[in-house]
PDB file of N, CA and C in Angstrom:
ATOM      1  N   MET A   1      85.889  79.599   5.103  1.00  0.00           N
ATOM      2  CA  MET A   1      84.788  78.689   5.035  1.00  0.00           C
ATOM      3  C   MET A   1      84.605  78.248   3.629  1.00  0.00           C
ATOM      4  N   ASN A   2      84.403  76.930   3.441  1.00  0.00           N
ATOM      5  CA  ASN A   2      84.057  76.389   2.089  1.00  0.00           C
ATOM      6  C   ASN A   2      82.612  76.445   1.858  1.00  0.00           C
ATOM      7  N   ALA A   3      82.213  77.131   0.781  1.00  0.00           N
ATOM      8  CA  ALA A   3      80.801  77.189   0.442  1.00  0.00           C
ATOM      9  C   ALA A   3      80.445  75.969  -0.443  1.00  0.00           C
ATOM     10  N   LYS A   4      79.367  75.293  -0.116  1.00  0.00           N
ATOM     11  CA  LYS A   4      78.927  74.198  -0.990  1.00  0.00           C
ATOM     12  C   LYS A   4      78.327  74.782  -2.249  1.00  0.00           C
ATOM     13  N   LYS A   5      78.559  74.049  -3.304  1.00  0.00           N
ATOM     14  CA  LYS A   5      77.963  74.428  -4.600  1.00  0.00           C
ATOM     15  C   LYS A   5      76.499  74.017  -4.542  1.00  0.00           C
ATOM     16  N   PRO A   6      75.595  74.879  -4.985  1.00  0.00           N
ATOM     17  CA  PRO A   6      74.199  74.473  -4.934  1.00  0.00           C
ATOM     18  C   PRO A   6      73.942  73.318  -5.948  1.00  0.00           C
ATOM     19  N   THR A   7      73.064  72.456  -5.586  1.00  0.00           N
ATOM     20  CA  THR A   7      72.679  71.338  -6.456  1.00  0.00           C
ATOM     21  C   THR A   7      71.703  71.872  -7.456  1.00  0.00           C
ATOM     22  N   PRO A   8      71.925  71.607  -8.718  1.00  0.00           N
ATOM     23  CA  PRO A   8      71.024  72.116  -9.772  1.00  0.00           C
ATOM     24  C   PRO A   8      69.632  71.490  -9.548  1.00  0.00           C
ATOM     25  N   GLN A   9      68.626  72.282  -9.687  1.00  0.00           N
ATOM     26  CA  GLN A   9      67.244  71.821  -9.549  1.00  0.00           C
ATOM     27  C   GLN A   9      66.667  71.647 -10.914  1.00  0.00           C
ATOM     28  N   VAL A  10      66.764  70.450 -11.476  1.00  0.00           N
ATOM     29  CA  VAL A  10      66.240  70.183 -12.834  1.00  0.00           C
ATOM     30  C   VAL A  10      65.127  69.195 -12.631  1.00  0.00           C
ATOM     31  N   PRO A  11      63.838  69.658 -12.870  1.00  0.00           N
ATOM     32  CA  PRO A  11      62.678  68.832 -12.596  1.00  0.00           C
ATOM     33  C   PRO A  11      62.723  67.532 -13.293  1.00  0.00           C
ATOM     34  N   ASP A  12      63.112  67.513 -14.598  1.00  0.00           N
ATOM     35  CA  ASP A  12      63.134  66.266 -15.337  1.00  0.00           C
ATOM     36  C   ASP A  12      64.070  65.228 -14.731  1.00  0.00           C
ATOM     37  N   CYS A  13      65.271  65.696 -14.289  1.00  0.00           N
ATOM     38  CA  CYS A  13      66.189  64.798 -13.672  1.00  0.00           C
ATOM     39  C   CYS A  13      65.652  64.187 -12.374  1.00  0.00           C
ATOM     40  N   LYS A  14      64.994  65.025 -11.551  1.00  0.00           N
ATOM     41  CA  LYS A  14      64.444  64.501 -10.313  1.00  0.00           C
ATOM     42  C   LYS A  14      63.343  63.464 -10.606  1.00  0.00           C
ATOM     43  N   GLU A  15      62.501  63.721 -11.573  1.00  0.00           N
ATOM     44  CA  GLU A  15      61.501  62.781 -11.901  1.00  0.00           C
ATOM     45  C   GLU A  15      62.083  61.492 -12.396  1.00  0.00           C
ATOM     46  N   GLN A  16      63.161  61.578 -13.200  1.00  0.00           N
ATOM     47  CA  GLN A  16      63.819  60.369 -13.689  1.00  0.00           C
ATOM     48  C   GLN A  16      64.439  59.610 -12.583  1.00  0.00           C
ATOM     49  N   LEU A  17      65.056  60.300 -11.604  1.00  0.00           N
ATOM     50  CA  LEU A  17      65.695  59.620 -10.519  1.00  0.00           C
ATOM     51  C   LEU A  17      64.711  58.915  -9.624  1.00  0.00           C
ATOM     52  N   ILE A  18      63.512  59.554  -9.442  1.00  0.00           N
ATOM     53  CA  ILE A  18      62.459  58.874  -8.650  1.00  0.00           C
ATOM     54  C   ILE A  18      61.958  57.658  -9.395  1.00  0.00           C
ATOM     55  N   ALA A  19      61.810  57.760 -10.692  1.00  0.00           N
ATOM     56  CA  ALA A  19      61.392  56.626 -11.503  1.00  0.00           C
ATOM     57  C   ALA A  19      62.369  55.477 -11.437  1.00  0.00           C
ATOM     58  N   ILE A  20      63.644  55.781 -11.529  1.00  0.00           N
ATOM     59  CA  ILE A  20      64.706  54.762 -11.395  1.00  0.00           C
ATOM     60  C   ILE A  20      64.635  54.112 -10.006  1.00  0.00           C
ATOM     61  N   ARG A  21      64.533  54.916  -8.988  1.00  0.00           N
ATOM     62  CA  ARG A  21      64.376  54.376  -7.630  1.00  0.00           C
ATOM     63  C   ARG A  21      63.188  53.410  -7.518  1.00  0.00           C
ATOM     64  N   ASP A  22      62.007  53.881  -7.996  1.00  0.00           N
ATOM     65  CA  ASP A  22      60.825  53.027  -7.933  1.00  0.00           C
ATOM     66  C   ASP A  22      61.032  51.748  -8.681  1.00  0.00           C
ATOM     67  N   THR A  23      61.634  51.762  -9.836  1.00  0.00           N
ATOM     68  CA  THR A  23      61.871  50.574 -10.590  1.00  0.00           C
ATOM     69  C   THR A  23      62.822  49.619  -9.927  1.00  0.00           C
ATOM     70  N   MET A  24      63.850  50.198  -9.340  1.00  0.00           N
ATOM     71  CA  MET A  24      64.796  49.371  -8.656  1.00  0.00           C
ATOM     72  C   MET A  24      64.211  48.692  -7.375  1.00  0.00           C
ATOM     73  N   ILE A  25      63.384  49.380  -6.686  1.00  0.00           N
ATOM     74  CA  ILE A  25      62.650  48.822  -5.529  1.00  0.00           C
ATOM     75  C   ILE A  25      61.755  47.693  -6.020  1.00  0.00           C
ATOM     76  N   LEU A  26      61.056  47.874  -7.096  1.00  0.00           N
ATOM     77  CA  LEU A  26      60.127  46.842  -7.629  1.00  0.00           C
ATOM     78  C   LEU A  26      60.930  45.638  -8.069  1.00  0.00           C
ATOM     79  N   LEU A  27      62.017  45.824  -8.769  1.00  0.00           N
ATOM     80  CA  LEU A  27      62.732  44.736  -9.364  1.00  0.00           C
ATOM     81  C   LEU A  27      63.946  44.241  -8.542  1.00  0.00           C
ATOM     82  N   SER A  28      64.047  44.739  -7.348  1.00  0.00           N
ATOM     83  CA  SER A  28      65.221  44.451  -6.488  1.00  0.00           C
ATOM     84  C   SER A  28      65.352  42.976  -6.131  1.00  0.00           C
ATOM     85  N   GLY A  29      66.524  42.604  -5.756  1.00  0.00           N
ATOM     86  CA  GLY A  29      66.745  41.212  -5.353  1.00  0.00           C
ATOM     87  C   GLY A  29      67.304  40.404  -6.468  1.00  0.00           C
ATOM     88  N   LYS A  30      67.603  39.191  -6.097  1.00  0.00           N
ATOM     89  CA  LYS A  30      68.325  38.247  -6.955  1.00  0.00           C
ATOM     90  C   LYS A  30      67.387  37.639  -7.931  1.00  0.00           C
ATOM     91  N   TRP A  31      66.074  37.549  -7.691  1.00  0.00           N
ATOM     92  CA  TRP A  31      65.186  36.668  -8.403  1.00  0.00           C
ATOM     93  C   TRP A  31      64.141  37.275  -9.347  1.00  0.00           C
ATOM     94  N   LYS A  32      63.696  38.467  -9.023  1.00  0.00           N
ATOM     95  CA  LYS A  32      62.547  39.022  -9.772  1.00  0.00           C
ATOM     96  C   LYS A  32      62.781  39.167 -11.258  1.00  0.00           C
ATOM     97  N   ILE A  33      63.994  39.672 -11.585  1.00  0.00           N
ATOM     98  CA  ILE A  33      64.333  39.851 -13.009  1.00  0.00           C
ATOM     99  C   ILE A  33      64.389  38.463 -13.685  1.00  0.00           C
ATOM    100  N   GLN A  34      64.949  37.548 -12.992  1.00  0.00           N
ATOM    101  CA  GLN A  34      64.982  36.160 -13.576  1.00  0.00           C
ATOM    102  C   GLN A  34      63.623  35.564 -13.762  1.00  0.00           C
ATOM    103  N   ILE A  35      62.743  35.817 -12.820  1.00  0.00           N
ATOM    104  CA  ILE A  35      61.345  35.293 -12.938  1.00  0.00           C
ATOM    105  C   ILE A  35      60.629  35.986 -14.110  1.00  0.00           C
ATOM    106  N   ILE A  36      60.799  37.284 -14.243  1.00  0.00           N
ATOM    107  CA  ILE A  36      60.147  37.986 -15.327  1.00  0.00           C
ATOM    108  C   ILE A  36      60.783  37.543 -16.682  1.00  0.00           C
ATOM    109  N   GLY A  37      62.078  37.333 -16.742  1.00  0.00           N
ATOM    110  CA  GLY A  37      62.701  36.831 -17.908  1.00  0.00           C
ATOM    111  C   GLY A  37      62.178  35.452 -18.287  1.00  0.00           C
ATOM    112  N   TRP A  38      62.024  34.573 -17.287  1.00  0.00           N
ATOM    113  CA  TRP A  38      61.484  33.257 -17.527  1.00  0.00           C
ATOM    114  C   TRP A  38      60.114  33.307 -18.102  1.00  0.00           C
ATOM    115  N   LEU A  39      59.219  34.204 -17.543  1.00  0.00           N
ATOM    116  CA  LEU A  39      57.866  34.292 -18.052  1.00  0.00           C
ATOM    117  C   LEU A  39      57.802  34.958 -19.421  1.00  0.00           C
ATOM    118  N   LEU A  40      58.735  35.845 -19.695  1.00  0.00           N
ATOM    119  CA  LEU A  40      58.776  36.403 -21.060  1.00  0.00           C
ATOM    120  C   LEU A  40      59.174  35.318 -22.077  1.00  0.00           C
ATOM    121  N   LEU A  41      60.077  34.423 -21.698  1.00  0.00           N
ATOM    122  CA  LEU A  41      60.496  33.342 -22.635  1.00  0.00           C
ATOM    123  C   LEU A  41      59.472  32.284 -22.811  1.00  0.00           C
ATOM    124  N   TYR A  42      58.851  31.859 -21.740  1.00  0.00           N
ATOM    125  CA  TYR A  42      57.980  30.708 -21.720  1.00  0.00           C
ATOM    126  C   TYR A  42      56.493  30.956 -21.677  1.00  0.00           C
ATOM    127  N   GLY A  43      56.104  32.212 -21.402  1.00  0.00           N
ATOM    128  CA  GLY A  43      54.644  32.499 -21.359  1.00  0.00           C
ATOM    129  C   GLY A  43      53.997  32.006 -20.059  1.00  0.00           C
ATOM    130  N   LYS A  44      52.888  31.407 -20.170  1.00  0.00           N
ATOM    131  CA  LYS A  44      52.128  30.844 -18.969  1.00  0.00           C
ATOM    132  C   LYS A  44      52.935  29.652 -18.471  1.00  0.00           C
ATOM    133  N   VAL A  45      53.236  29.687 -17.217  1.00  0.00           N
ATOM    134  CA  VAL A  45      54.114  28.624 -16.643  1.00  0.00           C
ATOM    135  C   VAL A  45      53.547  28.138 -15.301  1.00  0.00           C
ATOM    136  N   ARG A  46      53.615  26.871 -15.087  1.00  0.00           N
ATOM    137  CA  ARG A  46      53.219  26.319 -13.784  1.00  0.00           C
ATOM    138  C   ARG A  46      54.306  26.571 -12.748  1.00  0.00           C
ATOM    139  N   PHE A  47      53.925  26.717 -11.508  1.00  0.00           N
ATOM    140  CA  PHE A  47      54.828  27.028 -10.407  1.00  0.00           C
ATOM    141  C   PHE A  47      55.963  26.021 -10.362  1.00  0.00           C
ATOM    142  N   MET A  48      55.645  24.725 -10.408  1.00  0.00           N
ATOM    143  CA  MET A  48      56.696  23.706 -10.273  1.00  0.00           C
ATOM    144  C   MET A  48      57.651  23.767 -11.417  1.00  0.00           C
ATOM    145  N   ASP A  49      57.216  24.080 -12.615  1.00  0.00           N
ATOM    146  CA  ASP A  49      58.106  24.175 -13.738  1.00  0.00           C
ATOM    147  C   ASP A  49      59.072  25.318 -13.579  1.00  0.00           C
ATOM    148  N   MET A  50      58.572  26.421 -13.068  1.00  0.00           N
ATOM    149  CA  MET A  50      59.432  27.560 -12.774  1.00  0.00           C
ATOM    150  C   MET A  50      60.439  27.232 -11.713  1.00  0.00           C
ATOM    151  N   LEU A  51      59.973  26.567 -10.659  1.00  0.00           N
ATOM    152  CA  LEU A  51      60.830  26.209  -9.544  1.00  0.00           C
ATOM    153  C   LEU A  51      61.997  25.318 -10.072  1.00  0.00           C
ATOM    154  N   ARG A  52      61.670  24.370 -10.958  1.00  0.00           N
ATOM    155  CA  ARG A  52      62.723  23.503 -11.512  1.00  0.00           C
ATOM    156  C   ARG A  52      63.649  24.232 -12.504  1.00  0.00           C
ATOM    157  N   GLY A  53      63.103  25.198 -13.167  1.00  0.00           N
ATOM    158  CA  GLY A  53      63.815  25.875 -14.217  1.00  0.00           C
ATOM    159  C   GLY A  53      64.718  27.037 -13.762  1.00  0.00           C
ATOM    160  N   ILE A  54      64.354  27.711 -12.667  1.00  0.00           N
ATOM    161  CA  ILE A  54      65.200  28.809 -12.157  1.00  0.00           C
ATOM    162  C   ILE A  54      66.158  28.292 -11.137  1.00  0.00           C
ATOM    163  N   GLU A  55      67.380  28.099 -11.610  1.00  0.00           N
ATOM    164  CA  GLU A  55      68.433  27.437 -10.780  1.00  0.00           C
ATOM    165  C   GLU A  55      68.692  28.137  -9.483  1.00  0.00           C
ATOM    166  N   GLY A  56      68.562  27.406  -8.374  1.00  0.00           N
ATOM    167  CA  GLY A  56      68.949  27.912  -7.079  1.00  0.00           C
ATOM    168  C   GLY A  56      67.845  28.504  -6.228  1.00  0.00           C
ATOM    169  N   ILE A  57      66.699  28.789  -6.795  1.00  0.00           N
ATOM    170  CA  ILE A  57      65.612  29.419  -6.032  1.00  0.00           C
ATOM    171  C   ILE A  57      64.915  28.367  -5.223  1.00  0.00           C
ATOM    172  N   ALA A  58      64.534  28.739  -4.007  1.00  0.00           N
ATOM    173  CA  ALA A  58      63.712  27.844  -3.120  1.00  0.00           C
ATOM    174  C   ALA A  58      62.222  28.111  -3.376  1.00  0.00           C
ATOM    175  N   ALA A  59      61.376  27.131  -3.074  1.00  0.00           N
ATOM    176  CA  ALA A  59      59.971  27.226  -3.259  1.00  0.00           C
ATOM    177  C   ALA A  59      59.379  28.457  -2.518  1.00  0.00           C
ATOM    178  N   LYS A  60      59.850  28.577  -1.250  1.00  0.00           N
ATOM    179  CA  LYS A  60      59.372  29.694  -0.481  1.00  0.00           C
ATOM    180  C   LYS A  60      59.723  31.054  -1.041  1.00  0.00           C
ATOM    181  N   MET A  61      60.941  31.203  -1.566  1.00  0.00           N
ATOM    182  CA  MET A  61      61.366  32.484  -2.123  1.00  0.00           C
ATOM    183  C   MET A  61      60.625  32.740  -3.489  1.00  0.00           C
ATOM    184  N   LEU A  62      60.471  31.721  -4.285  1.00  0.00           N
ATOM    185  CA  LEU A  62      59.724  31.861  -5.520  1.00  0.00           C
ATOM    186  C   LEU A  62      58.294  32.309  -5.226  1.00  0.00           C
ATOM    187  N   SER A  63      57.660  31.709  -4.250  1.00  0.00           N
ATOM    188  CA  SER A  63      56.329  32.039  -3.896  1.00  0.00           C
ATOM    189  C   SER A  63      56.240  33.551  -3.428  1.00  0.00           C
ATOM    190  N   LYS A  64      57.190  33.929  -2.587  1.00  0.00           N
ATOM    191  CA  LYS A  64      57.231  35.303  -2.077  1.00  0.00           C
ATOM    192  C   LYS A  64      57.406  36.324  -3.213  1.00  0.00           C
ATOM    193  N   GLU A  65      58.354  36.028  -4.073  1.00  0.00           N
ATOM    194  CA  GLU A  65      58.664  36.961  -5.209  1.00  0.00           C
ATOM    195  C   GLU A  65      57.416  37.021  -6.196  1.00  0.00           C
ATOM    196  N   LEU A  66      56.809  35.943  -6.435  1.00  0.00           N
ATOM    197  CA  LEU A  66      55.644  35.895  -7.298  1.00  0.00           C
ATOM    198  C   LEU A  66      54.482  36.680  -6.650  1.00  0.00           C
ATOM    199  N   GLN A  67      54.308  36.574  -5.360  1.00  0.00           N
ATOM    200  CA  GLN A  67      53.289  37.350  -4.642  1.00  0.00           C
ATOM    201  C   GLN A  67      53.563  38.820  -4.820  1.00  0.00           C
ATOM    202  N   GLU A  68      54.802  39.238  -4.608  1.00  0.00           N
ATOM    203  CA  GLU A  68      55.108  40.674  -4.794  1.00  0.00           C
ATOM    204  C   GLU A  68      54.861  41.154  -6.194  1.00  0.00           C
ATOM    205  N   LEU A  69      55.248  40.334  -7.178  1.00  0.00           N
ATOM    206  CA  LEU A  69      55.045  40.734  -8.533  1.00  0.00           C
ATOM    207  C   LEU A  69      53.564  40.794  -8.867  1.00  0.00           C
ATOM    208  N   GLU A  70      52.783  39.900  -8.282  1.00  0.00           N
ATOM    209  CA  GLU A  70      51.314  39.918  -8.439  1.00  0.00           C
ATOM    210  C   GLU A  70      50.722  41.179  -7.832  1.00  0.00           C
ATOM    211  N   GLN A  71      51.167  41.526  -6.613  1.00  0.00           N
ATOM    212  CA  GLN A  71      50.671  42.724  -5.966  1.00  0.00           C
ATOM    213  C   GLN A  71      50.923  43.974  -6.809  1.00  0.00           C
ATOM    214  N   ASN A  72      52.064  43.976  -7.508  1.00  0.00           N
ATOM    215  CA  ASN A  72      52.396  45.108  -8.401  1.00  0.00           C
ATOM    216  C   ASN A  72      51.831  44.998  -9.776  1.00  0.00           C
ATOM    217  N   GLU A  73      51.027  44.010 -10.014  1.00  0.00           N
ATOM    218  CA  GLU A  73      50.299  43.789 -11.284  1.00  0.00           C
ATOM    219  C   GLU A  73      51.246  43.522 -12.438  1.00  0.00           C
ATOM    220  N   ILE A  74      52.399  42.892 -12.139  1.00  0.00           N
ATOM    221  CA  ILE A  74      53.368  42.469 -13.152  1.00  0.00           C
ATOM    222  C   ILE A  74      53.055  41.006 -13.583  1.00  0.00           C
ATOM    223  N   VAL A  75      52.496  40.216 -12.680  1.00  0.00           N
ATOM    224  CA  VAL A  75      52.237  38.826 -12.886  1.00  0.00           C
ATOM    225  C   VAL A  75      50.782  38.482 -12.495  1.00  0.00           C
ATOM    226  N   SER A  76      50.141  37.612 -13.245  1.00  0.00           N
ATOM    227  CA  SER A  76      48.841  37.134 -12.849  1.00  0.00           C
ATOM    228  C   SER A  76      48.978  35.686 -12.462  1.00  0.00           C
ATOM    229  N   ARG A  77      48.096  35.263 -11.543  1.00  0.00           N
ATOM    230  CA  ARG A  77      48.094  33.924 -10.992  1.00  0.00           C
ATOM    231  C   ARG A  77      46.806  33.305 -11.258  1.00  0.00           C
ATOM    232  N   THR A  78      46.810  32.023 -11.813  1.00  0.00           N
ATOM    233  CA  THR A  78      45.610  31.298 -12.074  1.00  0.00           C
ATOM    234  C   THR A  78      45.684  29.942 -11.331  1.00  0.00           C
ATOM    235  N   VAL A  79      44.693  29.646 -10.534  1.00  0.00           N
ATOM    236  CA  VAL A  79      44.591  28.370  -9.855  1.00  0.00           C
ATOM    237  C   VAL A  79      43.726  27.417 -10.759  1.00  0.00           C
ATOM    238  N   MET A  80      44.307  26.352 -11.166  1.00  0.00           N
ATOM    239  CA  MET A  80      43.626  25.463 -12.075  1.00  0.00           C
ATOM    240  C   MET A  80      42.842  24.436 -11.276  1.00  0.00           C
ATOM    241  N   PRO A  81      41.659  24.027 -11.741  1.00  0.00           N
ATOM    242  CA  PRO A  81      40.791  23.086 -11.041  1.00  0.00           C
ATOM    243  C   PRO A  81      41.246  21.688 -11.212  1.00  0.00           C
ATOM    244  N   THR A  82      42.482  21.384 -10.778  1.00  0.00           N
ATOM    245  CA  THR A  82      43.029  20.006 -10.950  1.00  0.00           C
ATOM    246  C   THR A  82      43.353  19.435  -9.562  1.00  0.00           C
ATOM    247  N   LYS A  83      43.548  18.143  -9.522  1.00  0.00           N
ATOM    248  CA  LYS A  83      43.961  17.505  -8.291  1.00  0.00           C
ATOM    249  C   LYS A  83      45.240  16.760  -8.621  1.00  0.00           C
ATOM    250  N   PRO A  84      46.333  17.041  -7.934  1.00  0.00           N
ATOM    251  CA  PRO A  84      46.512  18.148  -7.024  1.00  0.00           C
ATOM    252  C   PRO A  84      46.417  19.545  -7.695  1.00  0.00           C
ATOM    253  N   THR A  85      46.226  20.531  -6.900  1.00  0.00           N
ATOM    254  CA  THR A  85      46.023  21.872  -7.395  1.00  0.00           C
ATOM    255  C   THR A  85      47.260  22.335  -8.186  1.00  0.00           C
ATOM    256  N   THR A  86      47.010  22.917  -9.361  1.00  0.00           N
ATOM    257  CA  THR A  86      48.075  23.421 -10.193  1.00  0.00           C
ATOM    258  C   THR A  86      47.869  24.954 -10.274  1.00  0.00           C
ATOM    259  N   VAL A  87      48.964  25.657 -10.097  1.00  0.00           N
ATOM    260  CA  VAL A  87      48.947  27.127 -10.244  1.00  0.00           C
ATOM    261  C   VAL A  87      49.810  27.574 -11.375  1.00  0.00           C
ATOM    262  N   GLU A  88      49.223  28.406 -12.233  1.00  0.00           N
ATOM    263  CA  GLU A  88      50.006  28.914 -13.353  1.00  0.00           C
ATOM    264  C   GLU A  88      50.144  30.421 -13.206  1.00  0.00           C
ATOM    265  N   TYR A  89      51.291  30.898 -13.701  1.00  0.00           N
ATOM    266  CA  TYR A  89      51.627  32.296 -13.686  1.00  0.00           C
ATOM    267  C   TYR A  89      51.944  32.756 -15.063  1.00  0.00           C
ATOM    268  N   GLU A  90      51.614  34.049 -15.372  1.00  0.00           N
ATOM    269  CA  GLU A  90      51.959  34.654 -16.586  1.00  0.00           C
ATOM    270  C   GLU A  90      52.104  36.159 -16.402  1.00  0.00           C
ATOM    271  N   LEU A  91      52.783  36.806 -17.258  1.00  0.00           N
ATOM    272  CA  LEU A  91      52.909  38.232 -17.176  1.00  0.00           C
ATOM    273  C   LEU A  91      51.601  38.905 -17.581  1.00  0.00           C
ATOM    274  N   THR A  92      51.273  39.957 -16.922  1.00  0.00           N
ATOM    275  CA  THR A  92      50.116  40.785 -17.281  1.00  0.00           C
ATOM    276  C   THR A  92      50.571  41.594 -18.523  1.00  0.00           C
ATOM    277  N   GLU A  93      49.621  42.306 -19.149  1.00  0.00           N
ATOM    278  CA  GLU A  93      50.033  43.209 -20.239  1.00  0.00           C
ATOM    279  C   GLU A  93      50.973  44.280 -19.745  1.00  0.00           C
ATOM    280  N   HIS A  94      50.748  44.743 -18.528  1.00  0.00           N
ATOM    281  CA  HIS A  94      51.681  45.726 -17.901  1.00  0.00           C
ATOM    282  C   HIS A  94      53.044  45.112 -17.702  1.00  0.00           C
ATOM    283  N   GLY A  95      53.085  43.855 -17.241  1.00  0.00           N
ATOM    284  CA  GLY A  95      54.320  43.135 -17.026  1.00  0.00           C
ATOM    285  C   GLY A  95      55.121  42.943 -18.334  1.00  0.00           C
ATOM    286  N   LYS A  96      54.421  42.739 -19.400  1.00  0.00           N
ATOM    287  CA  LYS A  96      55.071  42.536 -20.681  1.00  0.00           C
ATOM    288  C   LYS A  96      55.800  43.784 -21.178  1.00  0.00           C
ATOM    289  N   THR A  97      55.460  44.943 -20.588  1.00  0.00           N
ATOM    290  CA  THR A  97      56.149  46.177 -20.960  1.00  0.00           C
ATOM    291  C   THR A  97      57.592  46.167 -20.467  1.00  0.00           C
ATOM    292  N   LEU A  98      57.912  45.272 -19.593  1.00  0.00           N
ATOM    293  CA  LEU A  98      59.343  45.134 -19.094  1.00  0.00           C
ATOM    294  C   LEU A  98      60.189  44.395 -20.053  1.00  0.00           C
ATOM    295  N   SER A  99      59.664  43.931 -21.165  1.00  0.00           N
ATOM    296  CA  SER A  99      60.447  43.174 -22.181  1.00  0.00           C
ATOM    297  C   SER A  99      61.664  43.928 -22.618  1.00  0.00           C
ATOM    298  N   GLY A 100      61.539  45.191 -22.944  1.00  0.00           N
ATOM    299  CA  GLY A 100      62.725  45.979 -23.330  1.00  0.00           C
ATOM    300  C   GLY A 100      63.808  46.054 -22.284  1.00  0.00           C
ATOM    301  N   VAL A 101      63.381  46.217 -21.049  1.00  0.00           N
ATOM    302  CA  VAL A 101      64.302  46.267 -19.920  1.00  0.00           C
ATOM    303  C   VAL A 101      65.031  44.931 -19.805  1.00  0.00           C
ATOM    304  N   ILE A 102      64.309  43.852 -19.815  1.00  0.00           N
ATOM    305  CA  ILE A 102      64.930  42.519 -19.679  1.00  0.00           C
ATOM    306  C   ILE A 102      65.873  42.259 -20.851  1.00  0.00           C
ATOM    307  N   ASP A 103      65.446  42.591 -22.040  1.00  0.00           N
ATOM    308  CA  ASP A 103      66.294  42.385 -23.231  1.00  0.00           C
ATOM    309  C   ASP A 103      67.559  43.156 -23.119  1.00  0.00           C
ATOM    310  N   ALA A 104      67.479  44.440 -22.591  1.00  0.00           N
ATOM    311  CA  ALA A 104      68.676  45.299 -22.454  1.00  0.00           C
ATOM    312  C   ALA A 104      69.636  44.667 -21.398  1.00  0.00           C
ATOM    313  N   ILE A 105      69.042  44.216 -20.252  1.00  0.00           N
ATOM    314  CA  ILE A 105      69.879  43.615 -19.245  1.00  0.00           C
ATOM    315  C   ILE A 105      70.571  42.367 -19.799  1.00  0.00           C
ATOM    316  N   SER A 106      69.880  41.539 -20.485  1.00  0.00           N
ATOM    317  CA  SER A 106      70.384  40.298 -21.096  1.00  0.00           C
ATOM    318  C   SER A 106      71.535  40.629 -22.104  1.00  0.00           C
ATOM    319  N   ALA A 107      71.308  41.587 -22.990  1.00  0.00           N
ATOM    320  CA  ALA A 107      72.323  41.978 -23.950  1.00  0.00           C
ATOM    321  C   ALA A 107      73.522  42.544 -23.271  1.00  0.00           C
ATOM    322  N   TRP A 108      73.323  43.398 -22.249  1.00  0.00           N
ATOM    323  CA  TRP A 108      74.501  43.875 -21.531  1.00  0.00           C
ATOM    324  C   TRP A 108      75.256  42.783 -20.820  1.00  0.00           C
ATOM    325  N   GLY A 109      74.556  41.876 -20.248  1.00  0.00           N
ATOM    326  CA  GLY A 109      75.128  40.720 -19.537  1.00  0.00           C
ATOM    327  C   GLY A 109      76.025  39.860 -20.466  1.00  0.00           C
ATOM    328  N   VAL A 110      75.535  39.623 -21.694  1.00  0.00           N
ATOM    329  CA  VAL A 110      76.290  38.877 -22.707  1.00  0.00           C
ATOM    330  C   VAL A 110      77.546  39.649 -23.065  1.00  0.00           C
ATOM    331  N   THR A 111      77.427  40.942 -23.294  1.00  0.00           N
ATOM    332  CA  THR A 111      78.595  41.796 -23.650  1.00  0.00           C
ATOM    333  C   THR A 111      79.587  41.839 -22.479  1.00  0.00           C
ATOM    334  N   HIS A 112      79.113  42.004 -21.257  1.00  0.00           N
ATOM    335  CA  HIS A 112      79.977  42.048 -20.095  1.00  0.00           C
ATOM    336  C   HIS A 112      80.721  40.773 -19.928  1.00  0.00           C
ATOM    337  N   ARG A 113      79.998  39.673 -20.065  1.00  0.00           N
ATOM    338  CA  ARG A 113      80.647  38.341 -19.889  1.00  0.00           C
ATOM    339  C   ARG A 113      81.773  38.183 -20.916  1.00  0.00           C
ATOM    340  N   LYS A 114      81.530  38.564 -22.158  1.00  0.00           N
ATOM    341  CA  LYS A 114      82.562  38.456 -23.216  1.00  0.00           C
ATOM    342  C   LYS A 114      83.776  39.385 -22.875  1.00  0.00           C
ATOM    343  N   PHE A 115      83.455  40.574 -22.353  1.00  0.00           N
ATOM    344  CA  PHE A 115      84.438  41.503 -21.928  1.00  0.00           C
ATOM    345  C   PHE A 115      85.339  40.946 -20.849  1.00  0.00           C
ATOM    346  N   LEU A 116      84.736  40.334 -19.837  1.00  0.00           N
ATOM    347  CA  LEU A 116      85.496  39.766 -18.709  1.00  0.00           C
ATOM    348  C   LEU A 116      86.360  38.627 -19.138  1.00  0.00           C
ATOM    349  N   PHE A 117      85.833  37.711 -19.949  1.00  0.00           N
ATOM    350  CA  PHE A 117      86.579  36.533 -20.402  1.00  0.00           C
ATOM    351  C   PHE A 117      87.687  36.975 -21.336  1.00  0.00           C
ATOM    352  N   LYS A 118      87.470  38.011 -22.156  1.00  0.00           N
ATOM    353  CA  LYS A 118      88.512  38.495 -23.007  1.00  0.00           C
ATOM    354  C   LYS A 118      89.719  39.039 -22.233  1.00  0.00           C
ATOM    355  N   LYS A 119      89.417  39.725 -21.095  1.00  0.00           N
ATOM    356  CA  LYS A 119      90.425  40.221 -20.203  1.00  0.00           C
ATOM    357  C   LYS A 119      91.288  39.147 -19.614  1.00  0.00           C
ATOM    358  N   GLU A 120      90.664  37.972 -19.292  1.00  0.00           N
ATOM    359  CA  GLU A 120      91.366  36.932 -18.608  1.00  0.00           C
ATOM    360  C   GLU A 120      92.309  36.133 -19.558  1.00  0.00           C
ATOM    361  N   SER A 121      92.029  36.187 -20.897  1.00  0.00           N
ATOM    362  CA  SER A 121      92.852  35.463 -21.785  1.00  0.00           C
ATOM    363  C   SER A 121      94.180  36.087 -22.032  1.00  0.00           C
TER     364      SER A 121
END
């Protein structure tokens, strides 16, 4: 009979893995990181400007993703008293703490792209 090796029980690792899982659930999908990146770069942005600026996203998907980010207190939404109604979004102070994460993803993406294109030449 093959005995399974016991899994080490390291409290810090378990806490880190739970934190990684929670973060991945919050930021999952194709669009949320791009939306957060857009808001980090441009600050307070109108819905339609974001829709035009984030290539390939549909209005319904942008609205859904912004709602989820708002529920998680990453983004705040302001309805402006204009006609037609204008809605602006910006990162909350808590949302701005994702800046390092987004910067790291961006830097890695640039490096990875260079790596891939270097391989092809």
